[in-house]
Amino acid sequence: MTATEQYLIDTWRASQQGAPMPPPPGRDDVAVLRSLRTYEQARAVMEGRPARHPWRAALRRILVRPRAC
């Protein structure tokens, strides 16, 4: 069963029981990723490492890599 199918069943069940509707799937995904990034940056500072943005470092490695001709 997919997350969407489960959401539809839960929504129907909540409407039948008068309970609050469940959140749609994927609603908080961005917030979870942001909190994980913040946690990793805080951990880096506590360990004495620079708190750089991990995506920027990955993009720099990809974009600055010399191309083989």
Foldseek 3Di string as FASTA:
>chain_A
DDQQVVLVVQQVVCVVVVHDRDDRPPPCVVVVVVVVLVVVLVVCVVVVHHSDRVVVVVVCCVVVDDDDD
